[in-house]
Amino acid sequence: MCLTCGCMDAHLEMGEANITYEDVKRAADENGRSVAETLDILERTKAKDRQEHPQEYASPAEARS
């Protein structure tokens, strides 16, 4: 899902490291959850991790400072 590249095409494969809808769907199925629940878990986990490790979320310019 070009959650990662910005093309806004949820099913387009754009290299090996980008995330597609199908990747999220497989993860949801494996965990017995819906895609919506899985995306919500991702968002909540990101928010928690961002508080614990803000340096990991700094922009490249901020990281060089």
N, C-alpha and C. Protein backbone atom coordinates (compact mmCIF):
# COMPACT_ATOMS: atom_id res chain seq x y z
N MET A 1 0.90 -1.13 0.00
CA MET A 1 0.00 0.00 0.00
C MET A 1 0.92 1.16 0.00
N CYS A 2 0.84 1.95 -0.90
CA CYS A 2 1.86 2.96 -0.88
C CYS A 2 1.56 3.93 0.23
N LEU A 3 1.42 3.30 1.38
CA LEU A 3 1.56 3.99 2.66
C LEU A 3 3.00 4.46 2.71
N THR A 4 3.83 3.78 1.98
CA THR A 4 5.26 4.01 2.12
C THR A 4 5.87 4.85 1.01
N CYS A 5 5.37 4.79 -0.22
CA CYS A 5 6.01 5.60 -1.26
C CYS A 5 5.21 6.84 -1.61
N GLY A 6 3.92 6.84 -1.31
CA GLY A 6 3.10 8.02 -1.58
C GLY A 6 2.34 7.99 -2.89
N CYS A 7 2.38 6.88 -3.63
CA CYS A 7 1.68 6.83 -4.91
C CYS A 7 0.16 6.71 -4.74
N MET A 8 -0.28 6.36 -3.55
CA MET A 8 -1.70 6.25 -3.21
C MET A 8 -2.41 5.11 -3.93
N ASP A 9 -1.67 4.10 -4.38
CA ASP A 9 -2.26 2.92 -5.00
C ASP A 9 -2.04 1.76 -4.03
N ALA A 10 -3.09 1.35 -3.34
CA ALA A 10 -3.00 0.38 -2.25
C ALA A 10 -2.50 -0.99 -2.67
N HIS A 11 -2.56 -1.31 -3.96
CA HIS A 11 -2.22 -2.65 -4.42
C HIS A 11 -0.99 -2.71 -5.31
N LEU A 12 -0.40 -1.57 -5.61
CA LEU A 12 0.74 -1.51 -6.51
C LEU A 12 2.02 -1.88 -5.77
N GLU A 13 2.75 -2.84 -6.30
CA GLU A 13 4.03 -3.21 -5.71
C GLU A 13 5.10 -2.27 -6.23
N MET A 14 5.77 -1.59 -5.31
CA MET A 14 6.78 -0.59 -5.67
C MET A 14 8.10 -0.95 -5.01
N GLY A 15 8.67 -2.05 -5.38
CA GLY A 15 9.92 -2.49 -4.78
C GLY A 15 9.66 -3.52 -3.70
N GLU A 16 10.71 -3.98 -3.08
CA GLU A 16 10.60 -5.06 -2.11
C GLU A 16 10.24 -4.61 -0.70
N ALA A 17 10.52 -3.38 -0.34
CA ALA A 17 10.34 -2.96 1.05
C ALA A 17 9.05 -2.18 1.30
N ASN A 18 8.33 -1.78 0.27
CA ASN A 18 7.09 -1.05 0.46
C ASN A 18 5.98 -1.99 0.89
N ILE A 19 4.97 -1.47 1.55
CA ILE A 19 3.89 -2.26 2.13
C ILE A 19 2.64 -2.12 1.28
N THR A 20 2.07 -3.26 0.88
CA THR A 20 0.85 -3.26 0.09
C THR A 20 -0.34 -3.62 0.97
N TYR A 21 -1.53 -3.38 0.46
CA TYR A 21 -2.75 -3.78 1.16
C TYR A 21 -2.70 -5.28 1.46
N GLU A 22 -2.23 -6.05 0.50
CA GLU A 22 -2.18 -7.50 0.67
C GLU A 22 -1.28 -7.90 1.84
N ASP A 23 -0.19 -7.15 2.07
CA ASP A 23 0.67 -7.42 3.23
C ASP A 23 -0.09 -7.20 4.53
N VAL A 24 -0.83 -6.09 4.59
CA VAL A 24 -1.60 -5.78 5.80
C VAL A 24 -2.70 -6.82 5.98
N LYS A 25 -3.34 -7.23 4.90
CA LYS A 25 -4.41 -8.23 4.97
C LYS A 25 -3.88 -9.56 5.49
N ARG A 26 -2.71 -9.98 5.01
CA ARG A 26 -2.11 -11.23 5.51
C ARG A 26 -1.81 -11.13 7.00
N ALA A 27 -1.28 -10.00 7.44
CA ALA A 27 -1.00 -9.82 8.87
C ALA A 27 -2.29 -9.84 9.68
N ALA A 28 -3.32 -9.18 9.17
CA ALA A 28 -4.62 -9.17 9.86
C ALA A 28 -5.17 -10.58 9.98
N ASP A 29 -5.16 -11.32 8.89
CA ASP A 29 -5.67 -12.69 8.91
C ASP A 29 -4.88 -13.56 9.89
N GLU A 30 -3.56 -13.42 9.88
CA GLU A 30 -2.72 -14.22 10.76
C GLU A 30 -3.05 -13.96 12.23
N ASN A 31 -3.45 -12.73 12.54
CA ASN A 31 -3.75 -12.35 13.92
C ASN A 31 -5.24 -12.39 14.25
N GLY A 32 -6.04 -12.87 13.31
CA GLY A 32 -7.47 -12.98 13.56
C GLY A 32 -8.16 -11.63 13.70
N ARG A 33 -7.68 -10.64 12.96
CA ARG A 33 -8.23 -9.29 13.04
C ARG A 33 -8.62 -8.80 11.65
N SER A 34 -9.35 -7.70 11.64
CA SER A 34 -9.69 -7.06 10.37
C SER A 34 -8.54 -6.16 9.94
N VAL A 35 -8.58 -5.74 8.69
CA VAL A 35 -7.58 -4.79 8.21
C VAL A 35 -7.68 -3.49 9.01
N ALA A 36 -8.90 -3.03 9.26
CA ALA A 36 -9.09 -1.79 10.03
C ALA A 36 -8.49 -1.91 11.43
N GLU A 37 -8.73 -3.04 12.09
CA GLU A 37 -8.15 -3.25 13.42
C GLU A 37 -6.62 -3.26 13.35
N THR A 38 -6.09 -3.90 12.33
CA THR A 38 -4.64 -3.99 12.18
C THR A 38 -4.03 -2.63 11.94
N LEU A 39 -4.66 -1.81 11.10
CA LEU A 39 -4.15 -0.45 10.87
C LEU A 39 -4.25 0.39 12.14
N ASP A 40 -5.30 0.20 12.92
CA ASP A 40 -5.44 0.90 14.19
C ASP A 40 -4.33 0.49 15.17
N ILE A 41 -4.04 -0.80 15.22
CA ILE A 41 -2.96 -1.29 16.08
C ILE A 41 -1.63 -0.69 15.64
N LEU A 42 -1.39 -0.64 14.33
CA LEU A 42 -0.16 -0.01 13.82
C LEU A 42 -0.05 1.43 14.28
N GLU A 43 -1.15 2.17 14.16
CA GLU A 43 -1.15 3.59 14.54
C GLU A 43 -0.90 3.76 16.04
N ARG A 44 -1.56 2.95 16.85
CA ARG A 44 -1.38 3.05 18.31
C ARG A 44 0.03 2.64 18.72
N THR A 45 0.55 1.61 18.07
CA THR A 45 1.91 1.17 18.37
C THR A 45 2.92 2.25 17.97
N LYS A 46 2.69 2.88 16.82
CA LYS A 46 3.57 3.97 16.38
C LYS A 46 3.56 5.11 17.40
N ALA A 47 2.38 5.48 17.87
CA ALA A 47 2.28 6.58 18.84
C ALA A 47 3.04 6.25 20.12
N LYS A 48 2.90 5.04 20.61
CA LYS A 48 3.59 4.61 21.82
C LYS A 48 5.10 4.61 21.59
N ASP A 49 5.52 4.04 20.46
CA ASP A 49 6.95 3.96 20.17
C ASP A 49 7.55 5.35 19.97
N ARG A 50 6.78 6.23 19.36
CA ARG A 50 7.27 7.59 19.11
C ARG A 50 7.55 8.31 20.43
N GLN A 51 6.72 8.07 21.44
CA GLN A 51 6.96 8.67 22.76
C GLN A 51 8.20 8.09 23.41
N GLU A 52 8.41 6.80 23.23
CA GLU A 52 9.54 6.12 23.86
C GLU A 52 10.86 6.32 23.12
N HIS A 53 10.78 6.57 21.81
CA HIS A 53 11.99 6.68 20.97
C HIS A 53 11.85 7.83 19.98
N PRO A 54 11.69 9.06 20.45
CA PRO A 54 11.45 10.18 19.53
C PRO A 54 12.56 10.38 18.50
N GLN A 55 13.78 10.03 18.84
CA GLN A 55 14.89 10.21 17.90
C GLN A 55 14.71 9.37 16.64
N GLU A 56 14.01 8.27 16.74
CA GLU A 56 13.79 7.42 15.57
C GLU A 56 12.84 8.06 14.56
N TYR A 57 12.08 9.06 15.01
CA TYR A 57 11.08 9.70 14.15
C TYR A 57 11.52 11.08 13.69
N ALA A 58 12.73 11.48 14.03
CA ALA A 58 13.23 12.79 13.63
C ALA A 58 13.43 12.81 12.11
N SER A 59 13.22 13.98 11.52
CA SER A 59 13.49 14.12 10.10
C SER A 59 15.00 14.02 9.88
N PRO A 60 15.44 13.73 8.67
CA PRO A 60 16.88 13.64 8.43
C PRO A 60 17.62 14.91 8.84
N ALA A 61 17.02 16.07 8.64
CA ALA A 61 17.66 17.33 9.03
C ALA A 61 17.79 17.42 10.55
N GLU A 62 16.76 16.99 11.27
CA GLU A 62 16.80 17.02 12.73
C GLU A 62 17.83 16.04 13.27
N ALA A 63 17.95 14.91 12.62
CA ALA A 63 18.88 13.88 13.07
C ALA A 63 20.32 14.34 12.96
N ARG A 64 20.62 15.21 11.98
CA ARG A 64 21.99 15.71 11.80
C ARG A 64 22.33 16.81 12.79
N SER A 65 21.33 17.43 13.41
CA SER A 65 21.58 18.55 14.33
C SER A 65 22.21 18.11 15.61
